[in-house]
Amino acid sequence: MTLTFLLGGARSGKSSLAVKLGAEHHGPVAYVATCPRIDGDDDLDSRIDRHRAERPNWPTIEEPHDLGAALGRCDGDALVIVDAEVAAVLLALAGAAKAAGGLRRAAP
């Protein structure tokens, strides 16, 4: 499994970069979305819905709390793109990256 972590703030282009990187990959792709829906945040709901619609037909796992479990559900041969917006997820990402053998930096 190859893990690609895309980190950045809201509206920083992570989702667009994820689609670009996945489209350039010559093999299976899985997408892990970590941003949770927040009751009453219609803007966030609209962005999540738009990102879902823009994503190719990749397996998508929406998991804001247990990144390890989400990664465990990914195909071992897939490029796994983790779109992480929530700051609390960063600690889980560090542990997942260590378990996967390191990080790969992708410049836009």
N, C-alpha and C. Protein backbone atom coordinates (compact mmCIF):
# COMPACT_ATOMS: atom_id res chain seq x y z
N MET A 1 0.85 -1.17 0.00
CA MET A 1 0.00 0.00 0.00
C MET A 1 0.89 1.24 0.00
N THR A 2 0.57 2.18 -0.84
CA THR A 2 1.26 3.46 -0.86
C THR A 2 0.32 4.50 -0.26
N LEU A 3 0.79 5.21 0.75
CA LEU A 3 -0.03 6.24 1.39
C LEU A 3 0.43 7.62 0.95
N THR A 4 -0.51 8.46 0.58
CA THR A 4 -0.23 9.85 0.25
C THR A 4 -1.11 10.69 1.16
N PHE A 5 -0.50 11.47 2.04
CA PHE A 5 -1.24 12.33 2.95
C PHE A 5 -1.24 13.75 2.40
N LEU A 6 -2.41 14.32 2.26
CA LEU A 6 -2.55 15.69 1.81
C LEU A 6 -3.05 16.51 2.99
N LEU A 7 -2.21 17.39 3.46
CA LEU A 7 -2.52 18.19 4.64
C LEU A 7 -2.64 19.65 4.26
N GLY A 8 -3.59 20.32 4.86
CA GLY A 8 -3.76 21.74 4.60
C GLY A 8 -5.05 22.23 5.22
N GLY A 9 -5.21 23.51 5.23
CA GLY A 9 -6.40 24.10 5.81
C GLY A 9 -7.60 23.98 4.89
N ALA A 10 -8.72 24.47 5.38
CA ALA A 10 -9.95 24.48 4.59
C ALA A 10 -9.73 25.30 3.32
N ARG A 11 -10.24 24.78 2.23
CA ARG A 11 -10.18 25.46 0.92
C ARG A 11 -8.74 25.67 0.43
N SER A 12 -7.84 24.76 0.79
CA SER A 12 -6.44 24.90 0.37
C SER A 12 -6.12 24.12 -0.90
N GLY A 13 -7.08 23.39 -1.45
CA GLY A 13 -6.85 22.66 -2.69
C GLY A 13 -6.52 21.19 -2.52
N LYS A 14 -6.68 20.65 -1.31
CA LYS A 14 -6.34 19.24 -1.06
C LYS A 14 -7.15 18.30 -1.95
N SER A 15 -8.45 18.54 -2.04
CA SER A 15 -9.30 17.62 -2.81
C SER A 15 -8.95 17.65 -4.29
N SER A 16 -8.70 18.82 -4.84
CA SER A 16 -8.31 18.92 -6.25
C SER A 16 -6.98 18.22 -6.50
N LEU A 17 -6.04 18.41 -5.60
CA LEU A 17 -4.75 17.75 -5.73
C LEU A 17 -4.91 16.23 -5.61
N ALA A 18 -5.79 15.79 -4.74
CA ALA A 18 -6.04 14.35 -4.58
C ALA A 18 -6.55 13.74 -5.88
N VAL A 19 -7.49 14.42 -6.51
CA VAL A 19 -8.03 13.92 -7.78
C VAL A 19 -6.93 13.88 -8.85
N LYS A 20 -6.09 14.91 -8.89
CA LYS A 20 -4.99 14.96 -9.86
C LYS A 20 -4.01 13.81 -9.62
N LEU A 21 -3.58 13.63 -8.37
CA LEU A 21 -2.62 12.57 -8.07
C LEU A 21 -3.20 11.19 -8.35
N GLY A 22 -4.45 10.99 -7.97
CA GLY A 22 -5.09 9.70 -8.22
C GLY A 22 -5.23 9.41 -9.70
N ALA A 23 -5.58 10.43 -10.49
CA ALA A 23 -5.73 10.25 -11.93
C ALA A 23 -4.40 9.91 -12.60
N GLU A 24 -3.31 10.41 -12.05
CA GLU A 24 -1.99 10.15 -12.61
C GLU A 24 -1.42 8.79 -12.19
N HIS A 25 -2.03 8.17 -11.20
CA HIS A 25 -1.55 6.89 -10.68
C HIS A 25 -1.99 5.75 -11.60
N HIS A 26 -1.07 4.86 -11.93
CA HIS A 26 -1.36 3.74 -12.81
C HIS A 26 -1.68 2.50 -11.99
N GLY A 27 -2.80 2.52 -11.33
CA GLY A 27 -3.21 1.40 -10.49
C GLY A 27 -4.42 1.80 -9.67
N PRO A 28 -4.85 0.92 -8.79
CA PRO A 28 -6.03 1.23 -7.98
C PRO A 28 -5.79 2.39 -7.02
N VAL A 29 -6.85 3.11 -6.74
CA VAL A 29 -6.81 4.25 -5.84
C VAL A 29 -7.94 4.10 -4.83
N ALA A 30 -7.65 4.41 -3.58
CA ALA A 30 -8.68 4.52 -2.55
C ALA A 30 -8.55 5.91 -1.94
N TYR A 31 -9.65 6.47 -1.53
CA TYR A 31 -9.68 7.82 -1.00
C TYR A 31 -10.23 7.79 0.42
N VAL A 32 -9.48 8.34 1.36
CA VAL A 32 -9.93 8.42 2.75
C VAL A 32 -10.19 9.89 3.07
N ALA A 33 -11.44 10.20 3.34
CA ALA A 33 -11.83 11.57 3.68
C ALA A 33 -12.01 11.66 5.19
N THR A 34 -11.34 12.61 5.82
CA THR A 34 -11.35 12.68 7.28
C THR A 34 -12.17 13.82 7.84
N CYS A 35 -12.69 14.69 7.01
CA CYS A 35 -13.44 15.84 7.51
C CYS A 35 -14.86 15.41 7.88
N PRO A 36 -15.26 15.59 9.13
CA PRO A 36 -16.61 15.19 9.53
C PRO A 36 -17.65 16.26 9.16
N ARG A 37 -18.86 15.81 8.94
CA ARG A 37 -19.96 16.78 8.81
C ARG A 37 -20.22 17.37 10.19
N ILE A 38 -20.60 18.64 10.20
CA ILE A 38 -20.90 19.34 11.45
C ILE A 38 -22.33 19.85 11.35
N ASP A 39 -23.16 19.44 12.29
CA ASP A 39 -24.57 19.86 12.28
C ASP A 39 -24.67 21.37 12.16
N GLY A 40 -25.48 21.81 11.20
CA GLY A 40 -25.73 23.24 11.02
C GLY A 40 -24.73 23.96 10.14
N ASP A 41 -23.68 23.28 9.68
CA ASP A 41 -22.68 23.93 8.82
C ASP A 41 -23.01 23.61 7.36
N ASP A 42 -23.92 24.40 6.79
CA ASP A 42 -24.38 24.16 5.43
C ASP A 42 -23.27 24.35 4.40
N ASP A 43 -22.35 25.28 4.66
CA ASP A 43 -21.23 25.50 3.74
C ASP A 43 -20.35 24.26 3.68
N LEU A 44 -20.04 23.69 4.83
CA LEU A 44 -19.23 22.48 4.86
C LEU A 44 -19.95 21.32 4.17
N ASP A 45 -21.25 21.17 4.43
CA ASP A 45 -22.03 20.13 3.76
C ASP A 45 -21.96 20.28 2.25
N SER A 46 -22.06 21.50 1.76
CA SER A 46 -21.99 21.75 0.31
C SER A 46 -20.63 21.38 -0.25
N ARG A 47 -19.56 21.72 0.47
CA ARG A 47 -18.22 21.38 0.00
C ARG A 47 -18.01 19.87 -0.03
N ILE A 48 -18.46 19.17 1.02
CA ILE A 48 -18.32 17.72 1.06
C ILE A 48 -19.09 17.09 -0.11
N ASP A 49 -20.31 17.56 -0.35
CA ASP A 49 -21.11 17.02 -1.47
C ASP A 49 -20.43 17.31 -2.81
N ARG A 50 -19.86 18.50 -2.97
CA ARG A 50 -19.17 18.85 -4.22
C ARG A 50 -17.94 17.97 -4.41
N HIS A 51 -17.18 17.76 -3.35
CA HIS A 51 -15.99 16.91 -3.46
C HIS A 51 -16.36 15.48 -3.82
N ARG A 52 -17.44 14.97 -3.24
CA ARG A 52 -17.90 13.62 -3.58
C ARG A 52 -18.21 13.54 -5.08
N ALA A 53 -18.90 14.55 -5.59
CA ALA A 53 -19.30 14.55 -7.01
C ALA A 53 -18.10 14.68 -7.95
N GLU A 54 -17.05 15.39 -7.52
CA GLU A 54 -15.87 15.61 -8.36
C GLU A 54 -14.93 14.42 -8.39
N ARG A 55 -15.03 13.56 -7.38
CA ARG A 55 -14.14 12.41 -7.27
C ARG A 55 -14.49 11.34 -8.29
N PRO A 56 -13.50 10.76 -8.95
CA PRO A 56 -13.78 9.62 -9.83
C PRO A 56 -14.37 8.46 -9.03
N ASN A 57 -14.73 7.41 -9.72
CA ASN A 57 -15.36 6.26 -9.07
C ASN A 57 -14.33 5.42 -8.33
N TRP A 58 -13.72 6.02 -7.30
CA TRP A 58 -12.75 5.31 -6.45
C TRP A 58 -13.47 4.84 -5.20
N PRO A 59 -12.98 3.75 -4.60
CA PRO A 59 -13.50 3.42 -3.27
C PRO A 59 -13.19 4.60 -2.33
N THR A 60 -14.20 5.05 -1.63
CA THR A 60 -14.04 6.18 -0.71
C THR A 60 -14.46 5.76 0.69
N ILE A 61 -13.61 6.06 1.64
CA ILE A 61 -13.90 5.78 3.04
C ILE A 61 -13.96 7.11 3.76
N GLU A 62 -15.09 7.42 4.33
CA GLU A 62 -15.24 8.66 5.09
C GLU A 62 -15.15 8.29 6.56
N GLU A 63 -14.04 8.68 7.18
CA GLU A 63 -13.77 8.28 8.56
C GLU A 63 -13.04 9.40 9.29
N PRO A 64 -13.76 10.20 10.07
CA PRO A 64 -13.13 11.31 10.77
C PRO A 64 -12.46 10.95 12.09
N HIS A 65 -12.67 9.72 12.59
CA HIS A 65 -12.20 9.41 13.94
C HIS A 65 -11.14 8.32 14.03
N ASP A 66 -11.23 7.30 13.20
CA ASP A 66 -10.33 6.16 13.34
C ASP A 66 -9.60 5.90 12.03
N LEU A 67 -8.53 6.66 11.82
CA LEU A 67 -7.77 6.55 10.57
C LEU A 67 -7.18 5.16 10.40
N GLY A 68 -6.72 4.56 11.47
CA GLY A 68 -6.16 3.22 11.39
C GLY A 68 -7.16 2.22 10.86
N ALA A 69 -8.40 2.28 11.34
CA ALA A 69 -9.44 1.38 10.85
C ALA A 69 -9.75 1.66 9.38
N ALA A 70 -9.76 2.94 9.00
CA ALA A 70 -10.03 3.29 7.60
C ALA A 70 -8.94 2.72 6.70
N LEU A 71 -7.69 2.85 7.11
CA LEU A 71 -6.59 2.33 6.30
C LEU A 71 -6.65 0.80 6.22
N GLY A 72 -7.12 0.18 7.28
CA GLY A 72 -7.25 -1.27 7.29
C GLY A 72 -8.28 -1.77 6.29
N ARG A 73 -9.20 -0.91 5.88
CA ARG A 73 -10.23 -1.29 4.91
C ARG A 73 -9.80 -1.04 3.47
N CYS A 74 -8.60 -0.52 3.26
CA CYS A 74 -8.11 -0.22 1.90
C CYS A 74 -7.43 -1.44 1.29
N ASP A 75 -7.53 -1.55 -0.02
CA ASP A 75 -6.86 -2.61 -0.77
C ASP A 75 -5.36 -2.42 -0.63
N GLY A 76 -4.64 -3.48 -0.34
CA GLY A 76 -3.20 -3.41 -0.12
C GLY A 76 -2.41 -2.92 -1.31
N ASP A 77 -2.96 -3.00 -2.52
CA ASP A 77 -2.24 -2.56 -3.71
C ASP A 77 -2.60 -1.13 -4.13
N ALA A 78 -3.45 -0.47 -3.37
CA ALA A 78 -3.97 0.82 -3.79
C ALA A 78 -3.06 1.98 -3.37
N LEU A 79 -3.11 3.04 -4.16
CA LEU A 79 -2.62 4.34 -3.72
C LEU A 79 -3.72 4.89 -2.83
N VAL A 80 -3.43 5.12 -1.57
CA VAL A 80 -4.44 5.61 -0.63
C VAL A 80 -4.18 7.09 -0.39
N ILE A 81 -5.13 7.90 -0.78
CA ILE A 81 -5.02 9.35 -0.62
C ILE A 81 -5.82 9.74 0.61
N VAL A 82 -5.15 10.32 1.59
CA VAL A 82 -5.81 10.74 2.82
C VAL A 82 -5.91 12.25 2.80
N ASP A 83 -7.13 12.75 2.67
CA ASP A 83 -7.41 14.18 2.63
C ASP A 83 -7.75 14.61 4.05
N ALA A 84 -6.79 15.20 4.75
CA ALA A 84 -6.96 15.50 6.18
C ALA A 84 -7.07 17.00 6.42
N GLU A 85 -8.22 17.44 6.87
CA GLU A 85 -8.42 18.85 7.18
C GLU A 85 -8.48 19.09 8.68
N VAL A 86 -8.95 18.15 9.42
CA VAL A 86 -9.17 18.34 10.85
C VAL A 86 -7.84 18.24 11.59
N ALA A 87 -7.50 19.25 12.35
CA ALA A 87 -6.21 19.28 13.04
C ALA A 87 -6.02 18.09 13.97
N ALA A 88 -7.06 17.62 14.61
CA ALA A 88 -6.93 16.50 15.52
C ALA A 88 -6.48 15.23 14.82
N VAL A 89 -6.71 15.13 13.52
CA VAL A 89 -6.33 13.94 12.76
C VAL A 89 -4.81 13.87 12.60
N LEU A 90 -4.13 14.97 12.73
CA LEU A 90 -2.68 14.99 12.51
C LEU A 90 -1.94 14.00 13.40
N LEU A 91 -2.37 13.85 14.64
CA LEU A 91 -1.72 12.89 15.52
C LEU A 91 -1.92 11.47 15.01
N ALA A 92 -3.11 11.16 14.53
CA ALA A 92 -3.36 9.83 13.96
C ALA A 92 -2.56 9.63 12.69
N LEU A 93 -2.40 10.67 11.90
CA LEU A 93 -1.61 10.58 10.66
C LEU A 93 -0.16 10.23 10.96
N ALA A 94 0.37 10.84 12.00
CA ALA A 94 1.77 10.56 12.35
C ALA A 94 1.94 9.09 12.68
N GLY A 95 1.02 8.53 13.44
CA GLY A 95 1.09 7.11 13.77
C GLY A 95 0.91 6.23 12.55
N ALA A 96 -0.02 6.59 11.66
CA ALA A 96 -0.25 5.82 10.45
C ALA A 96 0.95 5.89 9.52
N ALA A 97 1.57 7.05 9.41
CA ALA A 97 2.74 7.21 8.56
C ALA A 97 3.89 6.38 9.09
N LYS A 98 4.08 6.38 10.38
CA LYS A 98 5.14 5.57 10.97
C LYS A 98 4.90 4.09 10.67
N ALA A 99 3.65 3.64 10.81
CA ALA A 99 3.31 2.23 10.54
C ALA A 99 3.51 1.89 9.07
N ALA A 100 3.31 2.86 8.19
CA ALA A 100 3.44 2.61 6.74
C ALA A 100 4.88 2.75 6.25
N GLY A 101 5.77 3.21 7.09
CA GLY A 101 7.16 3.32 6.69
C GLY A 101 7.61 4.68 6.25
N GLY A 102 6.80 5.71 6.49
CA GLY A 102 7.24 7.07 6.18
C GLY A 102 6.25 7.84 5.34
N LEU A 103 6.59 9.06 5.04
CA LEU A 103 5.74 9.97 4.27
C LEU A 103 6.37 10.25 2.91
N ARG A 104 5.53 10.55 1.94
CA ARG A 104 5.98 10.97 0.63
C ARG A 104 5.43 12.38 0.41
N ARG A 105 6.26 13.31 0.04
CA ARG A 105 5.81 14.68 -0.16
C ARG A 105 5.40 14.86 -1.60
N ALA A 106 4.20 15.39 -1.81
CA ALA A 106 3.71 15.64 -3.17
C ALA A 106 3.52 17.14 -3.32
N ALA A 107 4.28 17.74 -4.20
CA ALA A 107 4.15 19.18 -4.44
C ALA A 107 3.13 19.40 -5.54
N PRO A 108 2.27 20.40 -5.37
CA PRO A 108 1.25 20.67 -6.41
C PRO A 108 1.89 21.17 -7.68
